[in-house]
């Protein structure tokens, strides 16, 4: 998971221990937190179950988003869905645990306009 988030969104480990890791892709102390415990078990159908649907990471330009797509495809990582929502152009990827991760670009270039 640490390697996948490093490849996909440029996340770096801020703190790691045997039961988890905190990662960031900017100056924040963390953007993604991962935890593990022997009491937890995997859900192979996670993407189809109720709960948090996805997390999203934004690119500043459509060119940057398309460059990320090309780079990830070269790594063998391809989206499970792509959408033009009107307000964003989005590529959805499944991480190794089946969580959906959206890489997007705001088509309006202005959060106030796209939120409307």
PDB file of N, CA and C in Angstrom:
ATOM      1  N   UNK A   1       0.828  -1.196   0.000  1.00  0.00           N
ATOM      2  CA  UNK A   1       0.000   0.000   0.000  1.00  0.00           C
ATOM      3  C   UNK A   1       0.869   1.255   0.000  1.00  0.00           C
ATOM      4  N   UNK A   2       1.914   1.272   0.821  1.00  0.00           N
ATOM      5  CA  UNK A   2       2.811   2.431   0.868  1.00  0.00           C
ATOM      6  C   UNK A   2       3.422   2.674  -0.508  1.00  0.00           C
ATOM      7  N   UNK A   3       3.907   1.621  -1.138  1.00  0.00           N
ATOM      8  CA  UNK A   3       4.502   1.760  -2.473  1.00  0.00           C
ATOM      9  C   UNK A   3       3.466   2.241  -3.487  1.00  0.00           C
ATOM     10  N   UNK A   4       2.234   1.705  -3.431  1.00  0.00           N
ATOM     11  CA  UNK A   4       1.185   2.078  -4.388  1.00  0.00           C
ATOM     12  C   UNK A   4       0.857   3.561  -4.275  1.00  0.00           C
ATOM     13  N   UNK A   5       0.639   4.070  -3.066  1.00  0.00           N
ATOM     14  CA  UNK A   5       0.338   5.487  -2.884  1.00  0.00           C
ATOM     15  C   UNK A   5       1.540   6.366  -3.245  1.00  0.00           C
ATOM     16  N   UNK A   6       2.734   5.849  -3.075  1.00  0.00           N
ATOM     17  CA  UNK A   6       3.924   6.577  -3.526  1.00  0.00           C
ATOM     18  C   UNK A   6       3.930   6.729  -5.033  1.00  0.00           C
ATOM     19  N   UNK A   7       3.635   5.640  -5.755  1.00  0.00           N
ATOM     20  CA  UNK A   7       3.587   5.690  -7.216  1.00  0.00           C
ATOM     21  C   UNK A   7       2.432   6.545  -7.724  1.00  0.00           C
ATOM     22  N   UNK A   8       1.243   6.390  -7.144  1.00  0.00           N
ATOM     23  CA  UNK A   8       0.042   6.993  -7.696  1.00  0.00           C
ATOM     24  C   UNK A   8      -0.073   8.478  -7.377  1.00  0.00           C
ATOM     25  N   UNK A   9       0.142   8.874  -6.119  1.00  0.00           N
ATOM     26  CA  UNK A   9      -0.028  10.292  -5.754  1.00  0.00           C
ATOM     27  C   UNK A   9       1.227  10.923  -5.157  1.00  0.00           C
ATOM     28  N   UNK A  10       2.368  10.249  -5.291  1.00  0.00           N
ATOM     29  CA  UNK A  10       3.618  10.826  -4.806  1.00  0.00           C
ATOM     30  C   UNK A  10       3.712  10.922  -3.291  1.00  0.00           C
ATOM     31  N   UNK A  11       2.989  10.054  -2.590  1.00  0.00           N
ATOM     32  CA  UNK A  11       3.002  10.095  -1.128  1.00  0.00           C
ATOM     33  C   UNK A  11       4.317   9.556  -0.568  1.00  0.00           C
ATOM     34  N   UNK A  12       4.782  10.216   0.486  1.00  0.00           N
ATOM     35  CA  UNK A  12       5.988   9.789   1.183  1.00  0.00           C
ATOM     36  C   UNK A  12       5.644   9.464   2.627  1.00  0.00           C
ATOM     37  N   UNK A  13       6.374   8.522   3.195  1.00  0.00           N
ATOM     38  CA  UNK A  13       6.139   8.115   4.576  1.00  0.00           C
ATOM     39  C   UNK A  13       6.646   9.191   5.527  1.00  0.00           C
ATOM     40  N   UNK A  14       5.769   9.631   6.437  1.00  0.00           N
ATOM     41  CA  UNK A  14       6.149  10.557   7.496  1.00  0.00           C
ATOM     42  C   UNK A  14       6.509   9.759   8.744  1.00  0.00           C
ATOM     43  N   UNK A  15       5.730   8.710   8.999  1.00  0.00           N
ATOM     44  CA  UNK A  15       5.956   7.845  10.170  1.00  0.00           C
ATOM     45  C   UNK A  15       5.447   6.463   9.825  1.00  0.00           C
ATOM     46  N   UNK A  16       6.216   5.437  10.189  1.00  0.00           N
ATOM     47  CA  UNK A  16       5.800   4.060   9.921  1.00  0.00           C
ATOM     48  C   UNK A  16       6.186   3.189  11.098  1.00  0.00           C
ATOM     49  N   UNK A  17       5.325   2.236  11.419  1.00  0.00           N
ATOM     50  CA  UNK A  17       5.582   1.265  12.472  1.00  0.00           C
ATOM     51  C   UNK A  17       4.954  -0.055  12.026  1.00  0.00           C
ATOM     52  N   UNK A  18       5.188  -1.168  12.702  1.00  0.00           N
ATOM     53  CA  UNK A  18       4.684  -2.461  12.214  1.00  0.00           C
ATOM     54  C   UNK A  18       3.165  -2.503  11.967  1.00  0.00           C
ATOM     55  N   UNK A  19       2.391  -1.686  12.651  1.00  0.00           N
ATOM     56  CA  UNK A  19       0.936  -1.712  12.494  1.00  0.00           C
ATOM     57  C   UNK A  19       0.371  -0.606  11.624  1.00  0.00           C
ATOM     58  N   UNK A  20       1.222   0.183  10.971  1.00  0.00           N
ATOM     59  CA  UNK A  20       0.649   1.237  10.139  1.00  0.00           C
ATOM     60  C   UNK A  20       1.665   2.230   9.617  1.00  0.00           C
ATOM     61  N   UNK A  21       1.119   3.226   8.913  1.00  0.00           N
ATOM     62  CA  UNK A  21       1.964   4.264   8.329  1.00  0.00           C
ATOM     63  C   UNK A  21       1.133   5.522   8.093  1.00  0.00           C
ATOM     64  N   UNK A  22       1.786   6.676   8.191  1.00  0.00           N
ATOM     65  CA  UNK A  22       1.183   7.970   7.854  1.00  0.00           C
ATOM     66  C   UNK A  22       1.949   8.490   6.650  1.00  0.00           C
ATOM     67  N   UNK A  23       1.212   8.905   5.612  1.00  0.00           N
ATOM     68  CA  UNK A  23       1.835   9.380   4.382  1.00  0.00           C
ATOM     69  C   UNK A  23       1.295  10.753   4.002  1.00  0.00           C
ATOM     70  N   UNK A  24       2.120  11.501   3.275  1.00  0.00           N
ATOM     71  CA  UNK A  24       1.691  12.794   2.759  1.00  0.00           C
ATOM     72  C   UNK A  24       2.285  13.017   1.376  1.00  0.00           C
ATOM     73  N   UNK A  25       1.614  13.853   0.590  1.00  0.00           N
ATOM     74  CA  UNK A  25       2.174  14.245  -0.711  1.00  0.00           C
ATOM     75  C   UNK A  25       2.313  15.764  -0.798  1.00  0.00           C
ATOM     76  N   UNK A  26       2.292  16.420   0.374  1.00  0.00           N
ATOM     77  CA  UNK A  26       2.523  17.863   0.442  1.00  0.00           C
ATOM     78  C   UNK A  26       3.144  18.170   1.804  1.00  0.00           C
ATOM     79  N   UNK A  27       3.003  19.365   2.304  1.00  0.00           N
ATOM     80  CA  UNK A  27       3.633  19.754   3.551  1.00  0.00           C
ATOM     81  C   UNK A  27       2.884  19.327   4.808  1.00  0.00           C
ATOM     82  N   UNK A  28       1.694  18.730   4.658  1.00  0.00           N
ATOM     83  CA  UNK A  28       0.904  18.305   5.824  1.00  0.00           C
ATOM     84  C   UNK A  28       1.576  17.134   6.533  1.00  0.00           C
ATOM     85  N   UNK A  29       1.247  16.940   7.815  1.00  0.00           N
ATOM     86  CA  UNK A  29       1.845  15.833   8.556  1.00  0.00           C
ATOM     87  C   UNK A  29       1.332  14.480   8.075  1.00  0.00           C
ATOM     88  N   UNK A  30       0.129  14.438   7.487  1.00  0.00           N
ATOM     89  CA  UNK A  30      -0.348  13.231   6.810  1.00  0.00           C
ATOM     90  C   UNK A  30      -1.592  13.546   5.986  1.00  0.00           C
ATOM     91  N   UNK A  31      -1.763  12.790   4.925  1.00  0.00           N
ATOM     92  CA  UNK A  31      -2.962  12.847   4.074  1.00  0.00           C
ATOM     93  C   UNK A  31      -3.634  11.487   4.026  1.00  0.00           C
ATOM     94  N   UNK A  32      -2.850  10.421   4.215  1.00  0.00           N
ATOM     95  CA  UNK A  32      -3.368   9.056   4.215  1.00  0.00           C
ATOM     96  C   UNK A  32      -2.814   8.360   5.448  1.00  0.00           C
ATOM     97  N   UNK A  33      -3.696   7.704   6.195  1.00  0.00           N
ATOM     98  CA  UNK A  33      -3.282   6.913   7.358  1.00  0.00           C
ATOM     99  C   UNK A  33      -3.669   5.456   7.104  1.00  0.00           C
ATOM    100  N   UNK A  34      -2.735   4.561   7.346  1.00  0.00           N
ATOM    101  CA  UNK A  34      -2.979   3.127   7.151  1.00  0.00           C
ATOM    102  C   UNK A  34      -2.751   2.423   8.473  1.00  0.00           C
ATOM    103  N   UNK A  35      -3.678   1.532   8.821  1.00  0.00           N
ATOM    104  CA  UNK A  35      -3.551   0.769  10.051  1.00  0.00           C
ATOM    105  C   UNK A  35      -3.837  -0.697   9.796  1.00  0.00           C
ATOM    106  N   UNK A  36      -3.198  -1.549  10.553  1.00  0.00           N
ATOM    107  CA  UNK A  36      -3.411  -2.980  10.448  1.00  0.00           C
ATOM    108  C   UNK A  36      -3.418  -3.575  11.841  1.00  0.00           C
ATOM    109  N   UNK A  37      -4.159  -4.651  11.999  1.00  0.00           N
ATOM    110  CA  UNK A  37      -4.233  -5.354  13.272  1.00  0.00           C
ATOM    111  C   UNK A  37      -4.608  -6.799  12.982  1.00  0.00           C
ATOM    112  N   UNK A  38      -4.113  -7.735  13.769  1.00  0.00           N
ATOM    113  CA  UNK A  38      -4.506  -9.136  13.568  1.00  0.00           C
ATOM    114  C   UNK A  38      -6.019  -9.342  13.709  1.00  0.00           C
ATOM    115  N   UNK A  39      -6.711  -8.424  14.374  1.00  0.00           N
ATOM    116  CA  UNK A  39      -8.166  -8.558  14.545  1.00  0.00           C
ATOM    117  C   UNK A  39      -8.941  -8.089  13.316  1.00  0.00           C
ATOM    118  N   UNK A  40      -8.276  -7.412  12.373  1.00  0.00           N
ATOM    119  CA  UNK A  40      -8.941  -6.940  11.154  1.00  0.00           C
ATOM    120  C   UNK A  40      -8.857  -8.013  10.080  1.00  0.00           C
ATOM    121  N   UNK A  41      -9.864  -8.027   9.177  1.00  0.00           N
ATOM    122  CA  UNK A  41      -9.789  -8.940   8.046  1.00  0.00           C
ATOM    123  C   UNK A  41     -10.169  -8.213   6.768  1.00  0.00           C
ATOM    124  N   UNK A  42      -9.747  -8.771   5.650  1.00  0.00           N
ATOM    125  CA  UNK A  42      -9.983  -8.167   4.342  1.00  0.00           C
ATOM    126  C   UNK A  42     -11.417  -8.389   3.888  1.00  0.00           C
ATOM    127  N   UNK A  43     -11.936  -7.458   3.105  1.00  0.00           N
ATOM    128  CA  UNK A  43     -13.241  -7.555   2.476  1.00  0.00           C
ATOM    129  C   UNK A  43     -13.012  -7.547   0.969  1.00  0.00           C
ATOM    130  N   UNK A  44     -13.053  -8.706   0.310  1.00  0.00           N
ATOM    131  CA  UNK A  44     -12.741  -8.762  -1.116  1.00  0.00           C
ATOM    132  C   UNK A  44     -13.739  -8.001  -1.999  1.00  0.00           C
ATOM    133  N   UNK A  45     -14.937  -7.702  -1.498  1.00  0.00           N
ATOM    134  CA  UNK A  45     -15.952  -6.980  -2.267  1.00  0.00           C
ATOM    135  C   UNK A  45     -16.135  -5.553  -1.780  1.00  0.00           C
ATOM    136  N   UNK A  46     -15.090  -4.973  -1.183  1.00  0.00           N
ATOM    137  CA  UNK A  46     -15.169  -3.651  -0.563  1.00  0.00           C
ATOM    138  C   UNK A  46     -15.771  -2.591  -1.475  1.00  0.00           C
ATOM    139  N   UNK A  47     -15.388  -2.579  -2.742  1.00  0.00           N
ATOM    140  CA  UNK A  47     -15.836  -1.520  -3.648  1.00  0.00           C
ATOM    141  C   UNK A  47     -17.359  -1.540  -3.845  1.00  0.00           C
ATOM    142  N   UNK A  48     -18.007  -2.669  -3.560  1.00  0.00           N
ATOM    143  CA  UNK A  48     -19.449  -2.792  -3.734  1.00  0.00           C
ATOM    144  C   UNK A  48     -20.231  -2.633  -2.430  1.00  0.00           C
ATOM    145  N   UNK A  49     -19.566  -2.416  -1.311  1.00  0.00           N
ATOM    146  CA  UNK A  49     -20.236  -2.316  -0.021  1.00  0.00           C
ATOM    147  C   UNK A  49     -20.424  -0.866   0.417  1.00  0.00           C
ATOM    148  N   UNK A  50     -21.407  -0.652   1.266  1.00  0.00           N
ATOM    149  CA  UNK A  50     -21.666   0.688   1.800  1.00  0.00           C
ATOM    150  C   UNK A  50     -20.494   1.125   2.670  1.00  0.00           C
ATOM    151  N   UNK A  51     -20.275   2.430   2.724  1.00  0.00           N
ATOM    152  CA  UNK A  51     -19.191   2.991   3.516  1.00  0.00           C
ATOM    153  C   UNK A  51     -18.564   4.130   2.745  1.00  0.00           C
ATOM    154  N   UNK A  52     -17.389   4.545   3.152  1.00  0.00           N
ATOM    155  CA  UNK A  52     -16.697   5.589   2.419  1.00  0.00           C
ATOM    156  C   UNK A  52     -16.451   5.094   0.998  1.00  0.00           C
ATOM    157  N   UNK A  53     -16.835   5.888   0.015  1.00  0.00           N
ATOM    158  CA  UNK A  53     -16.721   5.433  -1.363  1.00  0.00           C
ATOM    159  C   UNK A  53     -15.323   5.622  -1.937  1.00  0.00           C
ATOM    160  N   UNK A  54     -14.751   6.814  -1.767  1.00  0.00           N
ATOM    161  CA  UNK A  54     -13.422   7.045  -2.335  1.00  0.00           C
ATOM    162  C   UNK A  54     -12.777   8.284  -1.725  1.00  0.00           C
ATOM    163  N   UNK A  55     -11.487   8.422  -1.995  1.00  0.00           N
ATOM    164  CA  UNK A  55     -10.766   9.652  -1.680  1.00  0.00           C
ATOM    165  C   UNK A  55     -10.359  10.266  -3.013  1.00  0.00           C
ATOM    166  N   UNK A  56     -10.111  11.576  -3.015  1.00  0.00           N
ATOM    167  CA  UNK A  56      -9.798  12.266  -4.274  1.00  0.00           C
ATOM    168  C   UNK A  56      -8.553  13.121  -4.126  1.00  0.00           C
ATOM    169  N   UNK A  57      -7.745  13.127  -5.170  1.00  0.00           N
ATOM    170  CA  UNK A  57      -6.549  13.948  -5.243  1.00  0.00           C
ATOM    171  C   UNK A  57      -6.639  14.774  -6.514  1.00  0.00           C
ATOM    172  N   UNK A  58      -6.372  16.071  -6.401  1.00  0.00           N
ATOM    173  CA  UNK A  58      -6.566  16.994  -7.511  1.00  0.00           C
ATOM    174  C   UNK A  58      -5.249  17.396  -8.164  1.00  0.00           C
ATOM    175  N   UNK A  59      -5.284  17.478  -9.490  1.00  0.00           N
ATOM    176  CA  UNK A  59      -4.159  17.969 -10.276  1.00  0.00           C
ATOM    177  C   UNK A  59      -4.469  19.388 -10.738  1.00  0.00           C
ATOM    178  N   UNK A  60      -3.438  20.222 -10.863  1.00  0.00           N
ATOM    179  CA  UNK A  60      -3.651  21.632 -11.184  1.00  0.00           C
ATOM    180  C   UNK A  60      -3.998  21.874 -12.643  1.00  0.00           C
ATOM    181  N   UNK A  61      -3.732  20.898 -13.520  1.00  0.00           N
ATOM    182  CA  UNK A  61      -4.078  21.066 -14.932  1.00  0.00           C
ATOM    183  C   UNK A  61      -4.491  19.725 -15.518  1.00  0.00           C
ATOM    184  N   UNK A  62      -5.224  19.789 -16.629  1.00  0.00           N
ATOM    185  CA  UNK A  62      -5.608  18.560 -17.323  1.00  0.00           C
ATOM    186  C   UNK A  62      -4.373  17.863 -17.867  1.00  0.00           C
ATOM    187  N   UNK A  63      -3.370  18.635 -18.276  1.00  0.00           N
ATOM    188  CA  UNK A  63      -2.117  18.040 -18.762  1.00  0.00           C
ATOM    189  C   UNK A  63      -1.425  17.235 -17.664  1.00  0.00           C
ATOM    190  N   UNK A  64      -1.435  17.762 -16.422  1.00  0.00           N
ATOM    191  CA  UNK A  64      -0.830  17.036 -15.302  1.00  0.00           C
ATOM    192  C   UNK A  64      -1.596  15.743 -15.014  1.00  0.00           C
ATOM    193  N   UNK A  65      -2.937  15.804 -15.076  1.00  0.00           N
ATOM    194  CA  UNK A  65      -3.755  14.610 -14.857  1.00  0.00           C
ATOM    195  C   UNK A  65      -3.473  13.566 -15.934  1.00  0.00           C
ATOM    196  N   UNK A  66      -3.412  13.981 -17.191  1.00  0.00           N
ATOM    197  CA  UNK A  66      -3.143  13.049 -18.279  1.00  0.00           C
ATOM    198  C   UNK A  66      -1.726  12.490 -18.207  1.00  0.00           C
ATOM    199  N   UNK A  67      -0.778  13.295 -17.745  1.00  0.00           N
ATOM    200  CA  UNK A  67       0.587  12.804 -17.549  1.00  0.00           C
ATOM    201  C   UNK A  67       0.616  11.731 -16.454  1.00  0.00           C
ATOM    202  N   UNK A  68      -0.174  11.936 -15.392  1.00  0.00           N
ATOM    203  CA  UNK A  68      -0.257  10.928 -14.325  1.00  0.00           C
ATOM    204  C   UNK A  68      -0.853   9.634 -14.875  1.00  0.00           C
ATOM    205  N   UNK A  69      -1.908   9.751 -15.686  1.00  0.00           N
ATOM    206  CA  UNK A  69      -2.511   8.569 -16.318  1.00  0.00           C
ATOM    207  C   UNK A  69      -1.459   7.802 -17.130  1.00  0.00           C
ATOM    208  N   UNK A  70      -0.708   8.503 -17.956  1.00  0.00           N
ATOM    209  CA  UNK A  70       0.303   7.874 -18.804  1.00  0.00           C
ATOM    210  C   UNK A  70       1.392   7.212 -17.957  1.00  0.00           C
ATOM    211  N   UNK A  71       1.843   7.923 -16.920  1.00  0.00           N
ATOM    212  CA  UNK A  71       2.886   7.383 -16.037  1.00  0.00           C
ATOM    213  C   UNK A  71       2.396   6.115 -15.345  1.00  0.00           C
ATOM    214  N   UNK A  72       1.163   6.156 -14.800  1.00  0.00           N
ATOM    215  CA  UNK A  72       0.626   4.997 -14.082  1.00  0.00           C
ATOM    216  C   UNK A  72       0.377   3.823 -15.018  1.00  0.00           C
ATOM    217  N   UNK A  73      -0.107   4.099 -16.220  1.00  0.00           N
ATOM    218  CA  UNK A  73      -0.320   3.026 -17.196  1.00  0.00           C
ATOM    219  C   UNK A  73       1.001   2.320 -17.477  1.00  0.00           C
ATOM    220  N   UNK A  74       2.088   3.084 -17.564  1.00  0.00           N
ATOM    221  CA  UNK A  74       3.411   2.508 -17.753  1.00  0.00           C
ATOM    222  C   UNK A  74       3.845   1.622 -16.598  1.00  0.00           C
ATOM    223  N   UNK A  75       3.251   1.870 -15.404  1.00  0.00           N
ATOM    224  CA  UNK A  75       3.541   1.061 -14.207  1.00  0.00           C
ATOM    225  C   UNK A  75       2.574  -0.120 -14.098  1.00  0.00           C
ATOM    226  N   UNK A  76       1.656  -0.238 -15.068  1.00  0.00           N
ATOM    227  CA  UNK A  76       0.670  -1.321 -15.009  1.00  0.00           C
ATOM    228  C   UNK A  76      -0.527  -0.999 -14.138  1.00  0.00           C
ATOM    229  N   UNK A  77      -0.709   0.278 -13.790  1.00  0.00           N
ATOM    230  CA  UNK A  77      -1.832   0.704 -12.947  1.00  0.00           C
ATOM    231  C   UNK A  77      -2.825   1.442 -13.846  1.00  0.00           C
ATOM    232  N   UNK A  78      -4.007   0.852 -14.031  1.00  0.00           N
ATOM    233  CA  UNK A  78      -5.014   1.449 -14.903  1.00  0.00           C
ATOM    234  C   UNK A  78      -6.300   1.732 -14.130  1.00  0.00           C
ATOM    235  N   UNK A  79      -7.053   2.748 -14.543  1.00  0.00           N
ATOM    236  CA  UNK A  79      -8.284   3.087 -13.829  1.00  0.00           C
ATOM    237  C   UNK A  79      -9.366   2.028 -13.992  1.00  0.00           C
ATOM    238  N   UNK A  80     -10.217   1.911 -12.942  1.00  0.00           N
ATOM    239  CA  UNK A  80     -11.373   1.025 -13.058  1.00  0.00           C
ATOM    240  C   UNK A  80     -12.563   1.803 -13.614  1.00  0.00           C
ATOM    241  N   UNK A  81     -12.466   3.144 -13.657  1.00  0.00           N
ATOM    242  CA  UNK A  81     -13.520   3.986 -14.232  1.00  0.00           C
ATOM    243  C   UNK A  81     -12.927   5.340 -14.600  1.00  0.00           C
ATOM    244  N   UNK A  82     -13.516   5.983 -15.601  1.00  0.00           N
ATOM    245  CA  UNK A  82     -13.158   7.354 -15.965  1.00  0.00           C
ATOM    246  C   UNK A  82     -14.452   8.109 -16.202  1.00  0.00           C
ATOM    247  N   UNK A  83     -14.506   9.373 -15.761  1.00  0.00           N
ATOM    248  CA  UNK A  83     -15.722  10.168 -15.907  1.00  0.00           C
ATOM    249  C   UNK A  83     -15.395  11.628 -16.150  1.00  0.00           C
ATOM    250  N   UNK A  84     -16.209  12.264 -16.970  1.00  0.00           N
ATOM    251  CA  UNK A  84     -16.229  13.719 -17.061  1.00  0.00           C
ATOM    252  C   UNK A  84     -17.503  14.117 -16.333  1.00  0.00           C
ATOM    253  N   UNK A  85     -17.354  14.584 -15.097  1.00  0.00           N
ATOM    254  CA  UNK A  85     -18.496  14.952 -14.260  1.00  0.00           C
ATOM    255  C   UNK A  85     -19.066  16.322 -14.622  1.00  0.00           C
ATOM    256  N   UNK A  86     -18.462  16.999 -15.565  1.00  0.00           N
ATOM    257  CA  UNK A  86     -18.824  18.382 -15.829  1.00  0.00           C
ATOM    258  C   UNK A  86     -17.909  19.285 -15.026  1.00  0.00           C
ATOM    259  N   UNK A  87     -17.973  19.184 -13.705  1.00  0.00           N
ATOM    260  CA  UNK A  87     -17.114  20.023 -12.868  1.00  0.00           C
ATOM    261  C   UNK A  87     -15.693  19.479 -12.772  1.00  0.00           C
ATOM    262  N   UNK A  88     -15.520  18.162 -12.953  1.00  0.00           N
ATOM    263  CA  UNK A  88     -14.176  17.574 -12.934  1.00  0.00           C
ATOM    264  C   UNK A  88     -14.055  16.507 -14.014  1.00  0.00           C
ATOM    265  N   UNK A  89     -12.824  16.285 -14.438  1.00  0.00           N
ATOM    266  CA  UNK A  89     -12.469  15.116 -15.238  1.00  0.00           C
ATOM    267  C   UNK A  89     -11.755  14.195 -14.265  1.00  0.00           C
ATOM    268  N   UNK A  90     -12.194  12.930 -14.202  1.00  0.00           N
ATOM    269  CA  UNK A  90     -11.734  12.041 -13.142  1.00  0.00           C
ATOM    270  C   UNK A  90     -11.350  10.656 -13.637  1.00  0.00           C
ATOM    271  N   UNK A  91     -10.281  10.136 -13.054  1.00  0.00           N
ATOM    272  CA  UNK A  91      -9.841   8.767 -13.264  1.00  0.00           C
ATOM    273  C   UNK A  91      -9.904   8.088 -11.900  1.00  0.00           C
ATOM    274  N   UNK A  92     -10.556   6.920 -11.821  1.00  0.00           N
ATOM    275  CA  UNK A  92     -10.703   6.183 -10.566  1.00  0.00           C
ATOM    276  C   UNK A  92      -9.853   4.925 -10.602  1.00  0.00           C
ATOM    277  N   UNK A  93      -9.040   4.751  -9.566  1.00  0.00           N
ATOM    278  CA  UNK A  93      -8.148   3.605  -9.453  1.00  0.00           C
ATOM    279  C   UNK A  93      -8.495   2.828  -8.179  1.00  0.00           C
ATOM    280  N   UNK A  94      -8.309   1.511  -8.214  1.00  0.00           N
ATOM    281  CA  UNK A  94      -8.470   0.696  -7.011  1.00  0.00           C
ATOM    282  C   UNK A  94      -7.091   0.460  -6.422  1.00  0.00           C
ATOM    283  N   UNK A  95      -6.925   0.828  -5.134  1.00  0.00           N
ATOM    284  CA  UNK A  95      -5.640   0.565  -4.481  1.00  0.00           C
ATOM    285  C   UNK A  95      -5.553  -0.929  -4.156  1.00  0.00           C
ATOM    286  N   UNK A  96      -4.425  -1.407  -3.642  1.00  0.00           N
ATOM    287  CA  UNK A  96      -4.278  -2.839  -3.387  1.00  0.00           C
ATOM    288  C   UNK A  96      -5.311  -3.427  -2.429  1.00  0.00           C
ATOM    289  N   UNK A  97      -5.944  -2.607  -1.591  1.00  0.00           N
ATOM    290  CA  UNK A  97      -6.989  -3.097  -0.691  1.00  0.00           C
ATOM    291  C   UNK A  97      -8.383  -2.926  -1.270  1.00  0.00           C
ATOM    292  N   UNK A  98      -8.506  -2.421  -2.509  1.00  0.00           N
ATOM    293  CA  UNK A  98      -9.806  -2.268  -3.139  1.00  0.00           C
ATOM    294  C   UNK A  98     -10.482  -0.941  -2.861  1.00  0.00           C
ATOM    295  N   UNK A  99      -9.789   0.002  -2.225  1.00  0.00           N
ATOM    296  CA  UNK A  99     -10.343   1.339  -2.019  1.00  0.00           C
ATOM    297  C   UNK A  99     -10.281   2.102  -3.339  1.00  0.00           C
ATOM    298  N   UNK A 100     -11.323   2.859  -3.652  1.00  0.00           N
ATOM    299  CA  UNK A 100     -11.335   3.644  -4.876  1.00  0.00           C
ATOM    300  C   UNK A 100     -10.663   4.987  -4.628  1.00  0.00           C
ATOM    301  N   UNK A 101      -9.722   5.341  -5.498  1.00  0.00           N
ATOM    302  CA  UNK A 101      -8.959   6.586  -5.379  1.00  0.00           C
ATOM    303  C   UNK A 101      -9.166   7.384  -6.662  1.00  0.00           C
ATOM    304  N   UNK A 102      -9.722   8.594  -6.523  1.00  0.00           N
ATOM    305  CA  UNK A 102     -10.000   9.454  -7.671  1.00  0.00           C
ATOM    306  C   UNK A 102      -8.858  10.437  -7.886  1.00  0.00           C
ATOM    307  N   UNK A 103      -8.350  10.479  -9.113  1.00  0.00           N
ATOM    308  CA  UNK A 103      -7.399  11.509  -9.516  1.00  0.00           C
ATOM    309  C   UNK A 103      -8.184  12.423 -10.446  1.00  0.00           C
ATOM    310  N   UNK A 104      -8.210  13.726 -10.150  1.00  0.00           N
ATOM    311  CA  UNK A 104      -9.109  14.624 -10.872  1.00  0.00           C
ATOM    312  C   UNK A 104      -8.472  15.956 -11.209  1.00  0.00           C
ATOM    313  N   UNK A 105      -9.133  16.642 -12.137  1.00  0.00           N
ATOM    314  CA  UNK A 105      -8.808  18.024 -12.475  1.00  0.00           C
ATOM    315  C   UNK A 105     -10.116  18.807 -12.468  1.00  0.00           C
ATOM    316  N   UNK A 106     -10.125  19.971 -11.828  1.00  0.00           N
ATOM    317  CA  UNK A 106     -11.300  20.849 -11.798  1.00  0.00           C
ATOM    318  C   UNK A 106     -11.421  21.528 -13.153  1.00  0.00           C
ATOM    319  N   UNK A 107     -12.485  21.217 -13.890  1.00  0.00           N
ATOM    320  CA  UNK A 107     -12.650  21.743 -15.255  1.00  0.00           C
ATOM    321  C   UNK A 107     -12.885  23.247 -15.304  1.00  0.00           C
ATOM    322  N   UNK A 108     -13.348  23.835 -14.198  1.00  0.00           N
ATOM    323  CA  UNK A 108     -13.608  25.272 -14.180  1.00  0.00           C
ATOM    324  C   UNK A 108     -12.380  26.080 -13.773  1.00  0.00           C
ATOM    325  N   UNK A 109     -11.437  25.414 -13.082  1.00  0.00           N
ATOM    326  CA  UNK A 109     -10.264  26.131 -12.600  1.00  0.00           C
ATOM    327  C   UNK A 109     -10.592  27.082 -11.463  1.00  0.00           C
ATOM    328  N   UNK A 110     -11.772  26.929 -10.884  1.00  0.00           N
ATOM    329  CA  UNK A 110     -12.248  27.800  -9.804  1.00  0.00           C
ATOM    330  C   UNK A 110     -13.211  26.982  -8.947  1.00  0.00           C
ATOM    331  N   UNK A 111     -12.820  26.659  -7.715  1.00  0.00           N
ATOM    332  CA  UNK A 111     -13.640  25.805  -6.862  1.00  0.00           C
ATOM    333  C   UNK A 111     -15.034  26.384  -6.624  1.00  0.00           C
ATOM    334  N   UNK A 112     -15.152  27.697  -6.522  1.00  0.00           N
ATOM    335  CA  UNK A 112     -16.476  28.299  -6.316  1.00  0.00           C
ATOM    336  C   UNK A 112     -17.390  28.006  -7.502  1.00  0.00           C
ATOM    337  N   UNK A 113     -16.873  28.155  -8.714  1.00  0.00           N
ATOM    338  CA  UNK A 113     -17.681  27.900  -9.912  1.00  0.00           C
ATOM    339  C   UNK A 113     -18.021  26.413 -10.045  1.00  0.00           C
ATOM    340  N   UNK A 114     -17.064  25.548  -9.814  1.00  0.00           N
ATOM    341  CA  UNK A 114     -17.332  24.110  -9.973  1.00  0.00           C
ATOM    342  C   UNK A 114     -18.263  23.599  -8.874  1.00  0.00           C
ATOM    343  N   UNK A 115     -18.220  24.207  -7.703  1.00  0.00           N
ATOM    344  CA  UNK A 115     -19.111  23.788  -6.613  1.00  0.00           C
ATOM    345  C   UNK A 115     -20.561  24.150  -6.921  1.00  0.00           C
ATOM    346  N   UNK A 116     -20.755  25.315  -7.588  1.00  0.00           N
ATOM    347  CA  UNK A 116     -22.097  25.707  -7.986  1.00  0.00           C
ATOM    348  C   UNK A 116     -22.666  24.725  -8.978  1.00  0.00           C
TER     349      UNK A 116
END
